[in-house]
Amino acid sequence: MSSSCGSPLAENEWTVREKGRSERNEIVAPRIFNYQRPPGELRTPEDARRWVEAAPSLGIDGLKLGSYPPEIMHALLDEARRARLGSTAHLGQLGVANMNALDAARLGLGTVTHFYGHFEALLRDHTIQPFPVDYNYDNEQDRFGQVARLWDQIHPPGSPAWNAYLEEHRKLGTVFDPTLNIYAAGRDVMRARTAEWHNQYTLPTLMAFYEPSRANHGSYWFYWTTADEVAWRNFYQIWFRLLNDYKKMGGRITTGSDSGFIYKTYGFGYIEELELLQEAGFHPLEVIRCATMNGALTLAEPRREPIEFGTVRPGLLADLVIVGENPLENLKVLYGTGAIKLDDATGQPTRVGGVRWTIKDGIAYDAQQLLADVAAMVQRQKDDLNKAPDVGESVDQ
C-alpha cells in the first residue's frame, strides 16, 4: 500500500539514511520515497531552480510544495519535470488565492494532497473565501473551522463549472490524494478522541498532544461546537462527491494519511482512509486499487520508469499483506484491532481480522508481533509516567 501525507517524513539527511536502511532491510520499515519541502523562503525563481537542480544529488525523490506565488511555483515545477522529480502540494490558505489546485496543475503539479485548492478553484461568487473579518489564521480553530464553511460557496456538484473543473484535471493528469482521515475528527470529535485503539496503541505523549492546545498543531478543539461538526459533515459530502466524480471520469485517486495529528494514530488512520473512500462511493475493489496500483504509478511516472510494485504480477516486487478475513466484505478487518463479529457457534461476540503477515522484499513480518511491540512501547511509557517521583527519605521523626 502507498501512503502519502502532508509533510516530509523528516529532515532530508535523516530521511535519506532511513530510506537506505529500509532498502537494505536493516530496519522494519515500509518503502520510503523522500519528498522534501524547499528550505527557507524562496524569494526568486532562480532560487527555486537552484534548489531543485541540486535535489537529486541530495537523495530527494520529489517535492512537497505549498501555495507558492505563480512565478516561484512555475520555476519549481518546471525544474522538477526536467529533473524527473515527483511533486505534491498542500495549497494552504496563506497563498491559495493566488495558487489554487487548477493553477498549480496547469503549471505541472503532479498531486494535490488534502482538499486545499479544490474548493477555492470552484468558488461561485468570490475569488477569495469570504472569511469573517476577524479571522485569524494563527488561531487554529479559526483556520480549521472556517475552511469547512466553503461547502456551499462553490459551484454545485454536477454543474457545468464543476464538470469542467474535473475534466481539465483529468486531461492534465492531476492525481488527487485526499487524506480524508486526517480531518474526519471535525465531523465528530468525541468519536475520534475515544477510538478503541487509543488506550493500547497510542502513546500517552501523543494522546496529550492531540488534546486542545494553542501550541500544538492540529489540536484546535478550543470550543468545538455542534455547528462546527455540522459544517464538516456537510463539507465531507461535497468532498466525497468531488472524489467520486473524478474517479468515475477516469481521474486517479490515491490513499494517504497524515497521522500524528488530530486524533489519528499511525496505521489506524490509514485504514480509516480506506473506509472513507468507500463512504465516498468507491467500491472496495476501487479502494484497494487506489491504495496499491495508483500509488505505485504516481511514484514511478515522474521518474519515467515502469512500476516495481503495486500489483501482483510476475517480475514485480511482492509487497503483500495477509489477513484471515475478506477485506472486500469488511475493510475493518485491516485494523490492528480487527472487527467485532458474533460467533454463532458460541453466541458470543469475538474479534476477527487484523493483518497477520506483512511481506516486503520476500521477508515475512509477523504483523501481530509488531502490533504487540507497539502495545509494549505504550505500556512502558504509561508505567514511566505513573512512577512516583523520588523525593528521598523522610526526615520526620
Foldseek 3Di string as FASTA:
>chain_A
DDADAQAWPDDLVVLQVVQVCVVVVVDPDDHDATAHEDPDDDDALVSLLVRLVCQVVSVHQAYEEEQDALRNLLSNQVSLLVVLHAAEYAHALVRLLRGAPVSNLVSPHAEYEACGRVLCVFFDPDSHPPQPPPQDCLQVCSRLLVVLLSLPRGDAPPDPSLVVVLVVCVVSQHEYAHQVLQSLCQLPVVCLLVPPCCVQFNAPVLNVLCDQDSVRPQNNPPPRDPVSNVSNVSSLLRVLSSVVVSVVVPHAYAYHHHPSHSSRHPPNSRLVRLVSNVVSPDQNVSSLLRHFVSSQCSSCVSNPHDGQTRDDDPRHWDWDWAKPDDCSVPSQLQGQQADWDQDPVVRHIDGGHHTQWTAGNNDTDGRNVVSVVSSVVNVVSVVVVPDDDPPDDDPDD
